[in-house]
Amino acid sequence: MQVAVTGVSGFVGSEVARALLDR
């Protein structure tokens, strides 16, 4: 369960970072 949450958080974090860099 913890691993799944960490994976989702990492995916969301990468998407947010990509959006900020693409801005």
C-alpha atoms as a PDB file:
ATOM      1  CA  MET A   1       0.000   0.000   0.000  1.00  0.00           C
ATOM      2  CA  GLN A   2       2.753   2.435   0.992  1.00  0.00           C
ATOM      3  CA  VAL A   3       4.673   1.679  -2.191  1.00  0.00           C
ATOM      4  CA  ALA A   4       1.598   2.401  -4.304  1.00  0.00           C
ATOM      5  CA  VAL A   5       1.070   5.757  -2.601  1.00  0.00           C
ATOM      6  CA  THR A   6       4.723   6.675  -3.127  1.00  0.00           C
ATOM      7  CA  GLY A   7       4.513   5.711  -6.786  1.00  0.00           C
ATOM      8  CA  VAL A   8       1.426   7.864  -7.338  1.00  0.00           C
ATOM      9  CA  SER A   9       3.011  10.791  -5.504  1.00  0.00           C
ATOM     10  CA  GLY A  10       6.157  10.492  -7.631  1.00  0.00           C
ATOM     11  CA  PHE A  11       4.093  10.372 -10.834  1.00  0.00           C
ATOM     12  CA  VAL A  12       2.050  13.434  -9.849  1.00  0.00           C
ATOM     13  CA  GLY A  13       5.207  15.253  -8.776  1.00  0.00           C
ATOM     14  CA  SER A  14       6.885  14.570 -12.116  1.00  0.00           C
ATOM     15  CA  GLU A  15       3.798  15.748 -14.002  1.00  0.00           C
ATOM     16  CA  VAL A  16       3.644  18.974 -11.971  1.00  0.00           C
ATOM     17  CA  ALA A  17       7.355  19.595 -12.502  1.00  0.00           C
ATOM     18  CA  ARG A  18       6.933  19.006 -16.238  1.00  0.00           C
ATOM     19  CA  ALA A  19       3.999  21.438 -16.359  1.00  0.00           C
ATOM     20  CA  LEU A  20       6.015  24.106 -14.549  1.00  0.00           C
ATOM     21  CA  LEU A  21       9.009  23.620 -16.854  1.00  0.00           C
ATOM     22  CA  ASP A  22       6.783  23.703 -19.924  1.00  0.00           C
ATOM     23  CA  ARG A  23       5.120  26.927 -18.776  1.00  0.00           C
END
